[in-house]
Amino acid sequence: MNRFLHYLSYLQFPLFAGALYYYLRPIWESTQILDSLNTGLMLTGLALSFVSLVNPQASKRQLKESSRKLLFWILMPSLLLMFGLSLYWYWQGGDVGSLGQSLLFLSIGMLSVLRMLSSSNAH
């Protein structure tokens, strides 16, 4: 099962590539900037969710204790800020509501990375 989840975690790479495409798309198509940003944020959140499926033993060997703590303290405040903003914008409705929905999706992906960092920190 661990091997299957590890192979499933490789889906993060095409999702990150798709997100990069949507982030860069407004350069040559400037008509739907907000839609491209929303799709890029959603793909990034989904890719971050797949990051947490990496074998925890392999990620434990790769990340040192100090870098894990640094990533934890960088992700935690930004996660709380994005979660709060996304809920506020989601309830506003309209185009801003769709941006809030995308940020909520991204914050859920960041939460899975934060869980991975904290669980490998406990071992």
N, C-alpha and C. Protein backbone atom coordinates (compact mmCIF):
# COMPACT_ATOMS: atom_id res chain seq x y z
N MET A 1 0.82 -1.19 0.00
CA MET A 1 0.00 0.00 0.00
C MET A 1 0.87 1.26 0.00
N ASN A 2 1.97 1.23 0.79
CA ASN A 2 2.87 2.39 0.82
C ASN A 2 3.47 2.65 -0.54
N ARG A 3 3.80 1.58 -1.26
CA ARG A 3 4.38 1.74 -2.60
C ARG A 3 3.36 2.37 -3.55
N PHE A 4 2.10 1.93 -3.46
CA PHE A 4 1.04 2.51 -4.31
C PHE A 4 0.87 3.99 -4.01
N LEU A 5 0.82 4.36 -2.74
CA LEU A 5 0.67 5.77 -2.39
C LEU A 5 1.88 6.59 -2.82
N HIS A 6 3.05 5.97 -2.75
CA HIS A 6 4.26 6.68 -3.20
C HIS A 6 4.19 6.94 -4.70
N TYR A 7 3.76 5.95 -5.47
CA TYR A 7 3.63 6.16 -6.92
C TYR A 7 2.50 7.14 -7.23
N LEU A 8 1.45 7.12 -6.44
CA LEU A 8 0.36 8.07 -6.63
C LEU A 8 0.80 9.50 -6.35
N SER A 9 1.80 9.64 -5.49
CA SER A 9 2.29 10.98 -5.18
C SER A 9 2.99 11.63 -6.38
N TYR A 10 3.38 10.85 -7.37
CA TYR A 10 4.00 11.43 -8.56
C TYR A 10 3.02 12.23 -9.41
N LEU A 11 1.74 12.15 -9.12
CA LEU A 11 0.76 12.98 -9.81
C LEU A 11 0.96 14.46 -9.52
N GLN A 12 1.72 14.77 -8.48
CA GLN A 12 1.96 16.16 -8.14
C GLN A 12 2.69 16.90 -9.25
N PHE A 13 3.57 16.21 -9.98
CA PHE A 13 4.38 16.89 -10.99
C PHE A 13 3.56 17.39 -12.18
N PRO A 14 2.67 16.57 -12.78
CA PRO A 14 1.84 17.14 -13.85
C PRO A 14 0.86 18.20 -13.34
N LEU A 15 0.43 18.06 -12.09
CA LEU A 15 -0.47 19.07 -11.54
C LEU A 15 0.25 20.40 -11.33
N PHE A 16 1.49 20.35 -10.85
CA PHE A 16 2.28 21.58 -10.72
C PHE A 16 2.56 22.19 -12.10
N ALA A 17 2.81 21.34 -13.10
CA ALA A 17 3.04 21.84 -14.46
C ALA A 17 1.78 22.51 -15.02
N GLY A 18 0.63 21.90 -14.76
CA GLY A 18 -0.63 22.51 -15.19
C GLY A 18 -0.88 23.84 -14.48
N ALA A 19 -0.56 23.89 -13.20
CA ALA A 19 -0.73 25.14 -12.45
C ALA A 19 0.20 26.21 -12.99
N LEU A 20 1.42 25.85 -13.33
CA LEU A 20 2.35 26.81 -13.90
C LEU A 20 1.83 27.34 -15.23
N TYR A 21 1.23 26.46 -16.04
CA TYR A 21 0.64 26.90 -17.29
C TYR A 21 -0.44 27.96 -17.05
N TYR A 22 -1.32 27.69 -16.09
CA TYR A 22 -2.41 28.64 -15.82
C TYR A 22 -1.91 29.93 -15.17
N TYR A 23 -0.81 29.86 -14.43
CA TYR A 23 -0.23 31.09 -13.88
C TYR A 23 0.38 31.95 -14.98
N LEU A 24 0.97 31.31 -16.00
CA LEU A 24 1.62 32.04 -17.08
C LEU A 24 0.67 32.38 -18.23
N ARG A 25 -0.49 31.77 -18.26
CA ARG A 25 -1.45 31.97 -19.35
C ARG A 25 -1.86 33.42 -19.55
N PRO A 26 -2.03 34.25 -18.51
CA PRO A 26 -2.41 35.65 -18.75
C PRO A 26 -1.38 36.45 -19.54
N ILE A 27 -0.16 35.94 -19.69
CA ILE A 27 0.84 36.65 -20.48
C ILE A 27 0.41 36.71 -21.95
N TRP A 28 -0.12 35.62 -22.49
CA TRP A 28 -0.53 35.62 -23.90
C TRP A 28 -2.03 35.71 -24.09
N GLU A 29 -2.84 35.45 -23.06
CA GLU A 29 -4.30 35.64 -23.12
C GLU A 29 -4.71 36.51 -21.94
N SER A 30 -4.87 37.78 -22.17
CA SER A 30 -5.14 38.69 -21.04
C SER A 30 -6.63 38.90 -20.81
N THR A 31 -7.49 38.05 -21.36
CA THR A 31 -8.92 38.27 -21.19
C THR A 31 -9.47 37.63 -19.92
N GLN A 32 -8.97 36.48 -19.55
CA GLN A 32 -9.52 35.76 -18.40
C GLN A 32 -8.45 35.56 -17.34
N ILE A 33 -7.99 36.64 -16.77
CA ILE A 33 -6.90 36.57 -15.79
C ILE A 33 -7.37 35.90 -14.51
N LEU A 34 -8.54 36.28 -14.01
CA LEU A 34 -9.02 35.72 -12.75
C LEU A 34 -9.33 34.24 -12.86
N ASP A 35 -9.89 33.82 -14.00
CA ASP A 35 -10.15 32.39 -14.19
C ASP A 35 -8.87 31.58 -14.24
N SER A 36 -7.85 32.13 -14.89
CA SER A 36 -6.56 31.43 -14.94
C SER A 36 -5.94 31.33 -13.55
N LEU A 37 -6.03 32.40 -12.79
CA LEU A 37 -5.49 32.39 -11.43
C LEU A 37 -6.24 31.40 -10.55
N ASN A 38 -7.57 31.35 -10.67
CA ASN A 38 -8.36 30.40 -9.89
C ASN A 38 -7.98 28.96 -10.22
N THR A 39 -7.86 28.66 -11.51
CA THR A 39 -7.50 27.30 -11.90
C THR A 39 -6.10 26.95 -11.44
N GLY A 40 -5.17 27.90 -11.54
CA GLY A 40 -3.81 27.66 -11.07
C GLY A 40 -3.75 27.40 -9.58
N LEU A 41 -4.53 28.16 -8.81
CA LEU A 41 -4.55 27.95 -7.36
C LEU A 41 -5.15 26.59 -7.00
N MET A 42 -6.21 26.21 -7.71
CA MET A 42 -6.82 24.91 -7.43
C MET A 42 -5.87 23.76 -7.77
N LEU A 43 -5.18 23.86 -8.91
CA LEU A 43 -4.23 22.81 -9.27
C LEU A 43 -3.06 22.75 -8.30
N THR A 44 -2.62 23.90 -7.82
CA THR A 44 -1.54 23.92 -6.83
C THR A 44 -2.00 23.26 -5.53
N GLY A 45 -3.20 23.55 -5.09
CA GLY A 45 -3.73 22.92 -3.88
C GLY A 45 -3.86 21.42 -4.03
N LEU A 46 -4.32 20.98 -5.20
CA LEU A 46 -4.44 19.54 -5.43
C LEU A 46 -3.06 18.88 -5.48
N ALA A 47 -2.09 19.55 -6.11
CA ALA A 47 -0.73 19.01 -6.16
C ALA A 47 -0.12 18.93 -4.77
N LEU A 48 -0.37 19.93 -3.94
CA LEU A 48 0.14 19.89 -2.57
C LEU A 48 -0.49 18.75 -1.78
N SER A 49 -1.72 18.41 -2.09
CA SER A 49 -2.34 17.27 -1.42
C SER A 49 -1.64 15.97 -1.78
N PHE A 50 -1.18 15.85 -3.02
CA PHE A 50 -0.46 14.65 -3.43
C PHE A 50 0.96 14.62 -2.87
N VAL A 51 1.50 15.77 -2.51
CA VAL A 51 2.84 15.80 -1.90
C VAL A 51 2.84 15.01 -0.60
N SER A 52 1.75 15.07 0.14
CA SER A 52 1.70 14.40 1.44
C SER A 52 1.63 12.88 1.32
N LEU A 53 1.45 12.35 0.11
CA LEU A 53 1.41 10.90 -0.07
C LEU A 53 2.78 10.28 -0.22
N VAL A 54 3.82 11.10 -0.24
CA VAL A 54 5.19 10.60 -0.37
C VAL A 54 5.49 9.72 0.83
N ASN A 55 6.30 8.72 0.62
CA ASN A 55 6.69 7.81 1.70
C ASN A 55 7.31 8.61 2.84
N PRO A 56 6.73 8.56 4.04
CA PRO A 56 7.26 9.38 5.13
C PRO A 56 8.70 9.02 5.51
N GLN A 57 9.11 7.78 5.31
CA GLN A 57 10.48 7.40 5.64
C GLN A 57 11.47 8.08 4.70
N ALA A 58 11.09 8.19 3.43
CA ALA A 58 11.98 8.85 2.45
C ALA A 58 12.05 10.34 2.73
N SER A 59 10.91 10.96 3.05
CA SER A 59 10.94 12.40 3.31
C SER A 59 11.65 12.71 4.63
N LYS A 60 11.62 11.76 5.56
CA LYS A 60 12.31 11.97 6.83
C LYS A 60 13.82 12.00 6.61
N ARG A 61 14.30 11.17 5.70
CA ARG A 61 15.73 11.16 5.42
C ARG A 61 16.16 12.42 4.68
N GLN A 62 15.29 12.96 3.83
CA GLN A 62 15.66 14.10 3.00
C GLN A 62 15.62 15.42 3.76
N LEU A 63 14.68 15.57 4.66
CA LEU A 63 14.54 16.83 5.38
C LEU A 63 15.24 16.76 6.73
N LYS A 64 16.07 17.71 7.00
CA LYS A 64 16.70 17.79 8.31
C LYS A 64 15.74 18.42 9.30
N GLU A 65 16.04 18.27 10.55
CA GLU A 65 15.17 18.78 11.62
C GLU A 65 14.99 20.29 11.52
N SER A 66 16.07 21.02 11.27
CA SER A 66 15.97 22.48 11.22
C SER A 66 15.15 22.95 10.02
N SER A 67 15.29 22.29 8.88
CA SER A 67 14.51 22.70 7.72
C SER A 67 13.03 22.37 7.89
N ARG A 68 12.73 21.27 8.60
CA ARG A 68 11.33 20.94 8.89
C ARG A 68 10.69 21.99 9.77
N LYS A 69 11.40 22.44 10.79
CA LYS A 69 10.87 23.47 11.68
C LYS A 69 10.68 24.79 10.95
N LEU A 70 11.62 25.13 10.07
CA LEU A 70 11.51 26.36 9.30
C LEU A 70 10.31 26.32 8.37
N LEU A 71 10.13 25.20 7.67
CA LEU A 71 8.97 25.06 6.80
C LEU A 71 7.67 25.12 7.59
N PHE A 72 7.66 24.52 8.78
CA PHE A 72 6.47 24.54 9.61
C PHE A 72 6.10 25.97 10.00
N TRP A 73 7.08 26.77 10.41
CA TRP A 73 6.79 28.13 10.85
C TRP A 73 6.55 29.08 9.68
N ILE A 74 6.95 28.72 8.48
CA ILE A 74 6.60 29.52 7.30
C ILE A 74 5.18 29.19 6.86
N LEU A 75 4.83 27.91 6.89
CA LEU A 75 3.52 27.49 6.41
C LEU A 75 2.38 27.83 7.35
N MET A 76 2.60 27.77 8.65
CA MET A 76 1.51 27.95 9.60
C MET A 76 0.86 29.33 9.52
N PRO A 77 1.57 30.44 9.61
CA PRO A 77 0.89 31.74 9.52
C PRO A 77 0.27 31.99 8.15
N SER A 78 0.96 31.57 7.08
CA SER A 78 0.38 31.79 5.76
C SER A 78 -0.86 30.93 5.55
N LEU A 79 -0.88 29.76 6.14
CA LEU A 79 -2.05 28.90 6.05
C LEU A 79 -3.24 29.52 6.77
N LEU A 80 -3.01 30.03 7.96
CA LEU A 80 -4.11 30.66 8.70
C LEU A 80 -4.63 31.91 7.99
N LEU A 81 -3.73 32.71 7.43
CA LEU A 81 -4.13 33.90 6.70
C LEU A 81 -4.93 33.53 5.46
N MET A 82 -4.45 32.57 4.70
CA MET A 82 -5.17 32.18 3.48
C MET A 82 -6.50 31.54 3.80
N PHE A 83 -6.57 30.77 4.86
CA PHE A 83 -7.84 30.14 5.22
C PHE A 83 -8.88 31.20 5.61
N GLY A 84 -8.45 32.18 6.40
CA GLY A 84 -9.37 33.25 6.79
C GLY A 84 -9.81 34.10 5.63
N LEU A 85 -8.88 34.49 4.77
CA LEU A 85 -9.23 35.28 3.59
C LEU A 85 -10.14 34.53 2.64
N SER A 86 -9.86 33.24 2.48
CA SER A 86 -10.67 32.47 1.54
C SER A 86 -12.11 32.34 2.02
N LEU A 87 -12.30 32.14 3.32
CA LEU A 87 -13.67 32.07 3.83
C LEU A 87 -14.38 33.41 3.71
N TYR A 88 -13.67 34.48 3.99
CA TYR A 88 -14.27 35.82 3.87
C TYR A 88 -14.66 36.11 2.42
N TRP A 89 -13.75 35.84 1.49
CA TRP A 89 -14.04 36.13 0.08
C TRP A 89 -15.09 35.18 -0.47
N TYR A 90 -15.12 33.95 0.00
CA TYR A 90 -16.10 32.99 -0.49
C TYR A 90 -17.52 33.45 -0.15
N TRP A 91 -17.68 34.02 1.03
CA TRP A 91 -19.01 34.47 1.44
C TRP A 91 -19.40 35.79 0.77
N GLN A 92 -18.44 36.49 0.17
CA GLN A 92 -18.77 37.72 -0.55
C GLN A 92 -19.46 37.43 -1.87
N GLY A 93 -19.18 36.30 -2.49
CA GLY A 93 -19.82 35.92 -3.74
C GLY A 93 -19.18 36.57 -4.94
N GLY A 94 -19.67 36.23 -6.13
CA GLY A 94 -19.16 36.80 -7.36
C GLY A 94 -17.78 36.28 -7.72
N ASP A 95 -17.04 37.12 -8.44
CA ASP A 95 -15.69 36.73 -8.86
C ASP A 95 -14.76 36.59 -7.67
N VAL A 96 -14.94 37.42 -6.67
CA VAL A 96 -14.10 37.33 -5.47
C VAL A 96 -14.41 36.03 -4.72
N GLY A 97 -15.66 35.58 -4.79
CA GLY A 97 -16.04 34.32 -4.16
C GLY A 97 -15.34 33.14 -4.80
N SER A 98 -15.16 33.19 -6.12
CA SER A 98 -14.46 32.09 -6.79
C SER A 98 -12.97 32.10 -6.43
N LEU A 99 -12.41 33.29 -6.23
CA LEU A 99 -11.02 33.38 -5.78
C LEU A 99 -10.90 32.84 -4.35
N GLY A 100 -11.89 33.12 -3.52
CA GLY A 100 -11.90 32.57 -2.16
C GLY A 100 -11.99 31.05 -2.16
N GLN A 101 -12.76 30.52 -3.09
CA GLN A 101 -12.87 29.07 -3.19
C GLN A 101 -11.53 28.46 -3.60
N SER A 102 -10.83 29.10 -4.51
CA SER A 102 -9.52 28.61 -4.94
C SER A 102 -8.50 28.69 -3.80
N LEU A 103 -8.53 29.79 -3.04
CA LEU A 103 -7.62 29.91 -1.90
C LEU A 103 -7.93 28.87 -0.82
N LEU A 104 -9.20 28.56 -0.66
CA LEU A 104 -9.59 27.52 0.30
C LEU A 104 -9.03 26.17 -0.13
N PHE A 105 -9.10 25.90 -1.42
CA PHE A 105 -8.55 24.66 -1.96
C PHE A 105 -7.04 24.60 -1.74
N LEU A 106 -6.36 25.72 -1.97
CA LEU A 106 -4.91 25.79 -1.76
C LEU A 106 -4.56 25.62 -0.29
N SER A 107 -5.34 26.21 0.60
CA SER A 107 -5.04 26.09 2.03
C SER A 107 -5.25 24.67 2.53
N ILE A 108 -6.19 23.93 1.95
CA ILE A 108 -6.36 22.53 2.32
C ILE A 108 -5.15 21.71 1.87
N GLY A 109 -4.63 22.03 0.68
CA GLY A 109 -3.41 21.37 0.23
C GLY A 109 -2.23 21.69 1.12
N MET A 110 -2.12 22.94 1.56
CA MET A 110 -1.04 23.33 2.46
C MET A 110 -1.20 22.65 3.81
N LEU A 111 -2.43 22.42 4.23
CA LEU A 111 -2.67 21.74 5.49
C LEU A 111 -2.16 20.30 5.44
N SER A 112 -2.29 19.65 4.28
CA SER A 112 -1.78 18.28 4.18
C SER A 112 -0.25 18.27 4.24
N VAL A 113 0.41 19.29 3.66
CA VAL A 113 1.86 19.37 3.76
C VAL A 113 2.27 19.65 5.20
N LEU A 114 1.51 20.49 5.87
CA LEU A 114 1.80 20.79 7.27
C LEU A 114 1.65 19.54 8.14
N ARG A 115 0.65 18.73 7.84
CA ARG A 115 0.46 17.47 8.57
C ARG A 115 1.64 16.53 8.33
N MET A 116 2.13 16.50 7.09
CA MET A 116 3.27 15.64 6.77
C MET A 116 4.51 16.11 7.54
N LEU A 117 4.71 17.41 7.61
CA LEU A 117 5.87 17.94 8.32
C LEU A 117 5.78 17.67 9.81
N SER A 118 4.60 17.81 10.38
CA SER A 118 4.46 17.59 11.81
C SER A 118 4.52 16.11 12.17
N SER A 119 4.01 15.23 11.30
CA SER A 119 4.07 13.80 11.62
C SER A 119 5.48 13.26 11.47
N SER A 120 6.23 13.76 10.51
CA SER A 120 7.62 13.29 10.40
C SER A 120 8.49 13.92 11.48
N ASN A 121 8.02 15.01 12.06
CA ASN A 121 8.72 15.66 13.16
C ASN A 121 8.56 14.86 14.45
N ALA A 122 7.45 14.16 14.58
CA ALA A 122 7.17 13.43 15.81
C ALA A 122 7.91 12.11 15.90
N HIS A 123 8.37 11.56 14.77
CA HIS A 123 9.03 10.25 14.76
C HIS A 123 10.43 10.33 15.23
